[in-house]
Amino acid sequence: MPTVFRAFGYSFYFFSHEPGEPPHVHVDRGDGGAKVWLENVAFARQSGFKAKELSQILTLVRENRTMLLESWHRHFRHGNSGGNR
């Protein structure tokens, strides 16, 4: 599970076994978890975060969207699609 970056206690990462899905990033902090689409920045799912945290996550994804998309394409283009987490 490659961690792309960390900010404000959030970890932004990919699961290596999801290459067939549209670009997205997983976000964890404490008991909260989310999956955020990168093409049209929006939550695919989320749980355990307060409204203010959700807003902060979307802001961080928008601010780092180019880097996240580049990382996604670089990671999955190189065949890192094994069952690793």
PDB file of N, CA and C in Angstrom:
ATOM      1  N   MET A   1       0.859  -1.165   0.000  1.00  0.00           N
ATOM      2  CA  MET A   1       0.000   0.000   0.000  1.00  0.00           C
ATOM      3  C   MET A   1       0.902   1.224   0.000  1.00  0.00           C
ATOM      4  N   PRO A   2       1.160   1.793  -1.165  1.00  0.00           N
ATOM      5  CA  PRO A   2       2.044   2.955  -1.222  1.00  0.00           C
ATOM      6  C   PRO A   2       1.376   4.222  -0.672  1.00  0.00           C
ATOM      7  N   THR A   3       2.010   4.808   0.336  1.00  0.00           N
ATOM      8  CA  THR A   3       1.540   6.086   0.872  1.00  0.00           C
ATOM      9  C   THR A   3       2.109   7.183  -0.014  1.00  0.00           C
ATOM     10  N   VAL A   4       1.230   8.020  -0.524  1.00  0.00           N
ATOM     11  CA  VAL A   4       1.641   9.077  -1.443  1.00  0.00           C
ATOM     12  C   VAL A   4       2.121  10.296  -0.663  1.00  0.00           C
ATOM     13  N   PHE A   5       1.345  10.683   0.357  1.00  0.00           N
ATOM     14  CA  PHE A   5       1.786  11.766   1.233  1.00  0.00           C
ATOM     15  C   PHE A   5       0.965  11.770   2.516  1.00  0.00           C
ATOM     16  N   ARG A   6       1.453  12.556   3.467  1.00  0.00           N
ATOM     17  CA  ARG A   6       0.774  12.728   4.756  1.00  0.00           C
ATOM     18  C   ARG A   6       0.635  14.228   5.006  1.00  0.00           C
ATOM     19  N   ALA A   7      -0.505  14.616   5.568  1.00  0.00           N
ATOM     20  CA  ALA A   7      -0.734  16.017   5.906  1.00  0.00           C
ATOM     21  C   ALA A   7      -1.764  16.094   7.017  1.00  0.00           C
ATOM     22  N   PHE A   8      -1.491  16.905   8.021  1.00  0.00           N
ATOM     23  CA  PHE A   8      -2.425  17.138   9.125  1.00  0.00           C
ATOM     24  C   PHE A   8      -2.894  15.836   9.776  1.00  0.00           C
ATOM     25  N   GLY A   9      -2.028  14.846   9.819  1.00  0.00           N
ATOM     26  CA  GLY A   9      -2.367  13.564  10.418  1.00  0.00           C
ATOM     27  C   GLY A   9      -3.083  12.601   9.489  1.00  0.00           C
ATOM     28  N   TYR A  10      -3.405  13.027   8.279  1.00  0.00           N
ATOM     29  CA  TYR A  10      -4.059  12.152   7.294  1.00  0.00           C
ATOM     30  C   TYR A  10      -2.993  11.418   6.482  1.00  0.00           C
ATOM     31  N   SER A  11      -3.255  10.168   6.166  1.00  0.00           N
ATOM     32  CA  SER A  11      -2.412   9.405   5.252  1.00  0.00           C
ATOM     33  C   SER A  11      -3.185   9.219   3.954  1.00  0.00           C
ATOM     34  N   PHE A  12      -2.554   9.547   2.849  1.00  0.00           N
ATOM     35  CA  PHE A  12      -3.149   9.420   1.520  1.00  0.00           C
ATOM     36  C   PHE A  12      -2.391   8.309   0.802  1.00  0.00           C
ATOM     37  N   TYR A  13      -3.103   7.274   0.366  1.00  0.00           N
ATOM     38  CA  TYR A  13      -2.425   6.105  -0.192  1.00  0.00           C
ATOM     39  C   TYR A  13      -3.297   5.388  -1.212  1.00  0.00           C
ATOM     40  N   PHE A  14      -2.652   4.456  -1.944  1.00  0.00           N
ATOM     41  CA  PHE A  14      -3.329   3.592  -2.912  1.00  0.00           C
ATOM     42  C   PHE A  14      -3.273   2.160  -2.402  1.00  0.00           C
ATOM     43  N   PHE A  15      -4.238   1.358  -2.791  1.00  0.00           N
ATOM     44  CA  PHE A  15      -4.142  -0.083  -2.639  1.00  0.00           C
ATOM     45  C   PHE A  15      -3.592  -0.603  -3.957  1.00  0.00           C
ATOM     46  N   SER A  16      -2.582  -1.412  -3.914  1.00  0.00           N
ATOM     47  CA  SER A  16      -1.939  -1.888  -5.142  1.00  0.00           C
ATOM     48  C   SER A  16      -2.812  -2.819  -5.961  1.00  0.00           C
ATOM     49  N   HIS A  17      -3.851  -3.382  -5.377  1.00  0.00           N
ATOM     50  CA  HIS A  17      -4.687  -4.356  -6.097  1.00  0.00           C
ATOM     51  C   HIS A  17      -5.939  -3.732  -6.716  1.00  0.00           C
ATOM     52  N   GLU A  18      -5.933  -2.440  -6.997  1.00  0.00           N
ATOM     53  CA  GLU A  18      -7.107  -1.769  -7.566  1.00  0.00           C
ATOM     54  C   GLU A  18      -6.829  -1.091  -8.911  1.00  0.00           C
ATOM     55  N   PRO A  19      -6.041  -1.675  -9.784  1.00  0.00           N
ATOM     56  CA  PRO A  19      -5.697  -0.965 -11.016  1.00  0.00           C
ATOM     57  C   PRO A  19      -6.856  -0.821 -11.995  1.00  0.00           C
ATOM     58  N   GLY A  20      -7.908  -1.612 -11.890  1.00  0.00           N
ATOM     59  CA  GLY A  20      -9.020  -1.531 -12.828  1.00  0.00           C
ATOM     60  C   GLY A  20     -10.021  -0.445 -12.493  1.00  0.00           C
ATOM     61  N   GLU A  21      -9.877   0.182 -11.345  1.00  0.00           N
ATOM     62  CA  GLU A  21     -10.816   1.233 -10.942  1.00  0.00           C
ATOM     63  C   GLU A  21     -10.341   2.587 -11.450  1.00  0.00           C
ATOM     64  N   PRO A  22     -11.260   3.552 -11.537  1.00  0.00           N
ATOM     65  CA  PRO A  22     -10.841   4.914 -11.880  1.00  0.00           C
ATOM     66  C   PRO A  22      -9.872   5.438 -10.812  1.00  0.00           C
ATOM     67  N   PRO A  23      -9.036   6.404 -11.162  1.00  0.00           N
ATOM     68  CA  PRO A  23      -8.079   6.943 -10.195  1.00  0.00           C
ATOM     69  C   PRO A  23      -8.773   7.439  -8.923  1.00  0.00           C
ATOM     70  N   HIS A  24      -8.215   7.021  -7.797  1.00  0.00           N
ATOM     71  CA  HIS A  24      -8.744   7.430  -6.501  1.00  0.00           C
ATOM     72  C   HIS A  24      -7.654   7.285  -5.455  1.00  0.00           C
ATOM     73  N   VAL A  25      -7.895   7.859  -4.307  1.00  0.00           N
ATOM     74  CA  VAL A  25      -6.954   7.770  -3.198  1.00  0.00           C
ATOM     75  C   VAL A  25      -7.744   7.420  -1.944  1.00  0.00           C
ATOM     76  N   HIS A  26      -7.111   6.638  -1.085  1.00  0.00           N
ATOM     77  CA  HIS A  26      -7.686   6.312   0.217  1.00  0.00           C
ATOM     78  C   HIS A  26      -7.072   7.254   1.240  1.00  0.00           C
ATOM     79  N   VAL A  27      -7.861   7.617   2.241  1.00  0.00           N
ATOM     80  CA  VAL A  27      -7.418   8.553   3.265  1.00  0.00           C
ATOM     81  C   VAL A  27      -7.805   7.988   4.622  1.00  0.00           C
ATOM     82  N   ASP A  28      -6.847   7.946   5.536  1.00  0.00           N
ATOM     83  CA  ASP A  28      -7.101   7.477   6.897  1.00  0.00           C
ATOM     84  C   ASP A  28      -6.562   8.471   7.900  1.00  0.00           C
ATOM     85  N   ARG A  29      -7.247   8.549   9.027  1.00  0.00           N
ATOM     86  CA  ARG A  29      -6.755   9.256  10.207  1.00  0.00           C
ATOM     87  C   ARG A  29      -7.594   8.782  11.373  1.00  0.00           C
ATOM     88  N   GLY A  30      -6.945   8.282  12.402  1.00  0.00           N
ATOM     89  CA  GLY A  30      -7.671   7.773  13.559  1.00  0.00           C
ATOM     90  C   GLY A  30      -8.644   6.689  13.146  1.00  0.00           C
ATOM     91  N   ASP A  31      -9.900   6.844  13.551  1.00  0.00           N
ATOM     92  CA  ASP A  31     -10.938   5.872  13.210  1.00  0.00           C
ATOM     93  C   ASP A  31     -11.624   6.189  11.885  1.00  0.00           C
ATOM     94  N   GLY A  32     -11.217   7.269  11.233  1.00  0.00           N
ATOM     95  CA  GLY A  32     -11.861   7.667   9.979  1.00  0.00           C
ATOM     96  C   GLY A  32     -11.182   7.088   8.762  1.00  0.00           C
ATOM     97  N   GLY A  33     -11.985   6.845   7.737  1.00  0.00           N
ATOM     98  CA  GLY A  33     -11.470   6.349   6.478  1.00  0.00           C
ATOM     99  C   GLY A  33     -12.319   6.859   5.333  1.00  0.00           C
ATOM    100  N   ALA A  34     -11.690   7.069   4.199  1.00  0.00           N
ATOM    101  CA  ALA A  34     -12.417   7.567   3.031  1.00  0.00           C
ATOM    102  C   ALA A  34     -11.735   7.093   1.758  1.00  0.00           C
ATOM    103  N   LYS A  35     -12.513   7.097   0.699  1.00  0.00           N
ATOM    104  CA  LYS A  35     -12.022   6.839  -0.648  1.00  0.00           C
ATOM    105  C   LYS A  35     -12.492   8.026  -1.478  1.00  0.00           C
ATOM    106  N   VAL A  36     -11.557   8.679  -2.163  1.00  0.00           N
ATOM    107  CA  VAL A  36     -11.873   9.902  -2.903  1.00  0.00           C
ATOM    108  C   VAL A  36     -11.491   9.717  -4.367  1.00  0.00           C
ATOM    109  N   TRP A  37     -12.462   9.933  -5.254  1.00  0.00           N
ATOM    110  CA  TRP A  37     -12.198   9.910  -6.698  1.00  0.00           C
ATOM    111  C   TRP A  37     -11.326  11.100  -7.042  1.00  0.00           C
ATOM    112  N   LEU A  38     -10.407  10.917  -7.983  1.00  0.00           N
ATOM    113  CA  LEU A  38      -9.487  11.990  -8.351  1.00  0.00           C
ATOM    114  C   LEU A  38      -9.888  12.746  -9.611  1.00  0.00           C
ATOM    115  N   GLU A  39     -10.617  12.119 -10.521  1.00  0.00           N
ATOM    116  CA  GLU A  39     -11.014  12.814 -11.758  1.00  0.00           C
ATOM    117  C   GLU A  39     -11.978  13.959 -11.444  1.00  0.00           C
ATOM    118  N   ASN A  40     -13.057  13.657 -10.789  1.00  0.00           N
ATOM    119  CA  ASN A  40     -14.014  14.664 -10.307  1.00  0.00           C
ATOM    120  C   ASN A  40     -14.003  14.526  -8.800  1.00  0.00           C
ATOM    121  N   VAL A  41     -13.189  15.312  -8.155  1.00  0.00           N
ATOM    122  CA  VAL A  41     -12.923  15.122  -6.726  1.00  0.00           C
ATOM    123  C   VAL A  41     -14.227  15.039  -5.944  1.00  0.00           C
ATOM    124  N   ALA A  42     -14.479  13.829  -5.413  1.00  0.00           N
ATOM    125  CA  ALA A  42     -15.688  13.556  -4.640  1.00  0.00           C
ATOM    126  C   ALA A  42     -15.468  12.273  -3.848  1.00  0.00           C
ATOM    127  N   PHE A  43     -16.199  12.137  -2.777  1.00  0.00           N
ATOM    128  CA  PHE A  43     -16.088  10.922  -1.976  1.00  0.00           C
ATOM    129  C   PHE A  43     -16.791   9.756  -2.662  1.00  0.00           C
ATOM    130  N   ALA A  44     -16.085   8.642  -2.752  1.00  0.00           N
ATOM    131  CA  ALA A  44     -16.699   7.383  -3.168  1.00  0.00           C
ATOM    132  C   ALA A  44     -17.367   6.772  -1.937  1.00  0.00           C
ATOM    133  N   ARG A  45     -16.702   6.941  -0.794  1.00  0.00           N
ATOM    134  CA  ARG A  45     -17.245   6.513   0.491  1.00  0.00           C
ATOM    135  C   ARG A  45     -16.448   7.205   1.589  1.00  0.00           C
ATOM    136  N   GLN A  46     -17.020   7.265   2.762  1.00  0.00           N
ATOM    137  CA  GLN A  46     -16.325   7.827   3.917  1.00  0.00           C
ATOM    138  C   GLN A  46     -17.046   7.391   5.182  1.00  0.00           C
ATOM    139  N   SER A  47     -16.288   7.289   6.249  1.00  0.00           N
ATOM    140  CA  SER A  47     -16.885   6.996   7.557  1.00  0.00           C
ATOM    141  C   SER A  47     -15.947   7.472   8.650  1.00  0.00           C
ATOM    142  N   GLY A  48     -16.526   7.899   9.736  1.00  0.00           N
ATOM    143  CA  GLY A  48     -15.761   8.267  10.909  1.00  0.00           C
ATOM    144  C   GLY A  48     -15.168   9.657  10.925  1.00  0.00           C
ATOM    145  N   PHE A  49     -15.424  10.461   9.905  1.00  0.00           N
ATOM    146  CA  PHE A  49     -14.916  11.825   9.877  1.00  0.00           C
ATOM    147  C   PHE A  49     -16.047  12.811  10.142  1.00  0.00           C
ATOM    148  N   LYS A  50     -15.710  13.907  10.806  1.00  0.00           N
ATOM    149  CA  LYS A  50     -16.659  15.001  11.019  1.00  0.00           C
ATOM    150  C   LYS A  50     -16.706  15.863   9.755  1.00  0.00           C
ATOM    151  N   ALA A  51     -17.740  16.676   9.647  1.00  0.00           N
ATOM    152  CA  ALA A  51     -17.935  17.515   8.460  1.00  0.00           C
ATOM    153  C   ALA A  51     -16.717  18.383   8.165  1.00  0.00           C
ATOM    154  N   LYS A  52     -16.109  18.969   9.198  1.00  0.00           N
ATOM    155  CA  LYS A  52     -14.936  19.824   8.999  1.00  0.00           C
ATOM    156  C   LYS A  52     -13.765  19.015   8.444  1.00  0.00           C
ATOM    157  N   GLU A  53     -13.607  17.782   8.910  1.00  0.00           N
ATOM    158  CA  GLU A  53     -12.537  16.926   8.397  1.00  0.00           C
ATOM    159  C   GLU A  53     -12.783  16.562   6.938  1.00  0.00           C
ATOM    160  N   LEU A  54     -14.029  16.273   6.591  1.00  0.00           N
ATOM    161  CA  LEU A  54     -14.368  15.937   5.208  1.00  0.00           C
ATOM    162  C   LEU A  54     -14.028  17.094   4.278  1.00  0.00           C
ATOM    163  N   SER A  55     -14.334  18.301   4.720  1.00  0.00           N
ATOM    164  CA  SER A  55     -14.010  19.490   3.933  1.00  0.00           C
ATOM    165  C   SER A  55     -12.499  19.632   3.774  1.00  0.00           C
ATOM    166  N   GLN A  56     -11.764  19.399   4.861  1.00  0.00           N
ATOM    167  CA  GLN A  56     -10.310  19.501   4.808  1.00  0.00           C
ATOM    168  C   GLN A  56      -9.714  18.445   3.875  1.00  0.00           C
ATOM    169  N   ILE A  57     -10.253  17.233   3.904  1.00  0.00           N
ATOM    170  CA  ILE A  57      -9.773  16.167   3.022  1.00  0.00           C
ATOM    171  C   ILE A  57      -9.974  16.557   1.563  1.00  0.00           C
ATOM    172  N   LEU A  58     -11.170  17.030   1.224  1.00  0.00           N
ATOM    173  CA  LEU A  58     -11.427  17.418  -0.169  1.00  0.00           C
ATOM    174  C   LEU A  58     -10.514  18.564  -0.597  1.00  0.00           C
ATOM    175  N   THR A  59     -10.267  19.507   0.299  1.00  0.00           N
ATOM    176  CA  THR A  59      -9.357  20.613  -0.015  1.00  0.00           C
ATOM    177  C   THR A  59      -7.950  20.089  -0.280  1.00  0.00           C
ATOM    178  N   LEU A  60      -7.468  19.183   0.568  1.00  0.00           N
ATOM    179  CA  LEU A  60      -6.137  18.617   0.388  1.00  0.00           C
ATOM    180  C   LEU A  60      -6.037  17.826  -0.919  1.00  0.00           C
ATOM    181  N   VAL A  61      -7.081  17.078  -1.247  1.00  0.00           N
ATOM    182  CA  VAL A  61      -7.064  16.320  -2.501  1.00  0.00           C
ATOM    183  C   VAL A  61      -7.059  17.282  -3.682  1.00  0.00           C
ATOM    184  N   ARG A  62      -7.889  18.309  -3.646  1.00  0.00           N
ATOM    185  CA  ARG A  62      -7.907  19.285  -4.748  1.00  0.00           C
ATOM    186  C   ARG A  62      -6.546  19.969  -4.906  1.00  0.00           C
ATOM    187  N   GLU A  63      -5.940  20.371  -3.785  1.00  0.00           N
ATOM    188  CA  GLU A  63      -4.652  21.065  -3.829  1.00  0.00           C
ATOM    189  C   GLU A  63      -3.540  20.162  -4.355  1.00  0.00           C
ATOM    190  N   ASN A  64      -3.671  18.867  -4.161  1.00  0.00           N
ATOM    191  CA  ASN A  64      -2.626  17.919  -4.540  1.00  0.00           C
ATOM    192  C   ASN A  64      -3.056  16.986  -5.670  1.00  0.00           C
ATOM    193  N   ARG A  65      -4.131  17.336  -6.345  1.00  0.00           N
ATOM    194  CA  ARG A  65      -4.736  16.465  -7.356  1.00  0.00           C
ATOM    195  C   ARG A  65      -3.759  16.086  -8.469  1.00  0.00           C
ATOM    196  N   THR A  66      -3.020  17.044  -8.992  1.00  0.00           N
ATOM    197  CA  THR A  66      -2.086  16.756 -10.079  1.00  0.00           C
ATOM    198  C   THR A  66      -1.055  15.735  -9.620  1.00  0.00           C
ATOM    199  N   MET A  67      -0.463  15.948  -8.466  1.00  0.00           N
ATOM    200  CA  MET A  67       0.531  15.017  -7.935  1.00  0.00           C
ATOM    201  C   MET A  67      -0.084  13.653  -7.685  1.00  0.00           C
ATOM    202  N   LEU A  68      -1.305  13.610  -7.148  1.00  0.00           N
ATOM    203  CA  LEU A  68      -1.966  12.336  -6.876  1.00  0.00           C
ATOM    204  C   LEU A  68      -2.244  11.570  -8.171  1.00  0.00           C
ATOM    205  N   LEU A  69      -2.732  12.272  -9.192  1.00  0.00           N
ATOM    206  CA  LEU A  69      -2.994  11.616 -10.476  1.00  0.00           C
ATOM    207  C   LEU A  69      -1.701  11.110 -11.113  1.00  0.00           C
ATOM    208  N   GLU A  70      -0.658  11.909 -11.068  1.00  0.00           N
ATOM    209  CA  GLU A  70       0.629  11.475 -11.612  1.00  0.00           C
ATOM    210  C   GLU A  70       1.132  10.241 -10.867  1.00  0.00           C
ATOM    211  N   SER A  71       1.005  10.243  -9.554  1.00  0.00           N
ATOM    212  CA  SER A  71       1.440   9.099  -8.744  1.00  0.00           C
ATOM    213  C   SER A  71       0.614   7.868  -9.068  1.00  0.00           C
ATOM    214  N   TRP A  72      -0.703   8.057  -9.222  1.00  0.00           N
ATOM    215  CA  TRP A  72      -1.589   6.934  -9.567  1.00  0.00           C
ATOM    216  C   TRP A  72      -1.148   6.298 -10.885  1.00  0.00           C
ATOM    217  N   HIS A  73      -1.006   7.116 -11.914  1.00  0.00           N
ATOM    218  CA  HIS A  73      -0.662   6.603 -13.242  1.00  0.00           C
ATOM    219  C   HIS A  73       0.739   5.986 -13.256  1.00  0.00           C
ATOM    220  N   ARG A  74       1.679   6.591 -12.579  1.00  0.00           N
ATOM    221  CA  ARG A  74       3.027   6.038 -12.505  1.00  0.00           C
ATOM    222  C   ARG A  74       3.009   4.687 -11.778  1.00  0.00           C
ATOM    223  N   HIS A  75       2.281   4.601 -10.673  1.00  0.00           N
ATOM    224  CA  HIS A  75       2.223   3.371  -9.890  1.00  0.00           C
ATOM    225  C   HIS A  75       1.597   2.231 -10.688  1.00  0.00           C
ATOM    226  N   PHE A  76       0.448   2.471 -11.294  1.00  0.00           N
ATOM    227  CA  PHE A  76      -0.242   1.389 -11.979  1.00  0.00           C
ATOM    228  C   PHE A  76       0.315   1.106 -13.374  1.00  0.00           C
ATOM    229  N   ARG A  77       0.975   2.059 -13.989  1.00  0.00           N
ATOM    230  CA  ARG A  77       1.612   1.841 -15.287  1.00  0.00           C
ATOM    231  C   ARG A  77       2.785   0.878 -15.139  1.00  0.00           C
ATOM    232  N   HIS A  78       3.419   0.877 -13.996  1.00  0.00           N
ATOM    233  CA  HIS A  78       4.583   0.016 -13.786  1.00  0.00           C
ATOM    234  C   HIS A  78       4.203  -1.381 -13.306  1.00  0.00           C
ATOM    235  N   GLY A  79       2.915  -1.723 -13.415  1.00  0.00           N
ATOM    236  CA  GLY A  79       2.505  -3.092 -13.131  1.00  0.00           C
ATOM    237  C   GLY A  79       2.464  -3.467 -11.668  1.00  0.00           C
ATOM    238  N   ASN A  80       2.313  -2.500 -10.798  1.00  0.00           N
ATOM    239  CA  ASN A  80       2.228  -2.784  -9.373  1.00  0.00           C
ATOM    240  C   ASN A  80       0.817  -3.181  -9.000  1.00  0.00           C
ATOM    241  N   SER A  81       0.339  -4.259  -9.595  1.00  0.00           N
ATOM    242  CA  SER A  81      -1.056  -4.648  -9.372  1.00  0.00           C
ATOM    243  C   SER A  81      -1.154  -5.946  -8.597  1.00  0.00           C
ATOM    244  N   GLY A  82      -0.113  -6.291  -7.868  1.00  0.00           N
ATOM    245  CA  GLY A  82      -0.149  -7.503  -7.073  1.00  0.00           C
ATOM    246  C   GLY A  82      -1.116  -7.377  -5.928  1.00  0.00           C
ATOM    247  N   GLY A  83      -1.204  -8.403  -5.127  1.00  0.00           N
ATOM    248  CA  GLY A  83      -2.156  -8.421  -4.028  1.00  0.00           C
ATOM    249  C   GLY A  83      -1.668  -7.696  -2.794  1.00  0.00           C
ATOM    250  N   ASN A  84      -0.659  -6.865  -2.914  1.00  0.00           N
ATOM    251  CA  ASN A  84      -0.147  -6.145  -1.753  1.00  0.00           C
ATOM    252  C   ASN A  84      -1.146  -5.125  -1.274  1.00  0.00           C
ATOM    253  N   ARG A  85      -1.070  -4.859  -0.021  1.00  0.00           N
ATOM    254  CA  ARG A  85      -1.909  -3.805   0.530  1.00  0.00           C
ATOM    255  C   ARG A  85      -1.044  -2.703   1.042  1.00  0.00           C
TER     256      ARG A  85
END
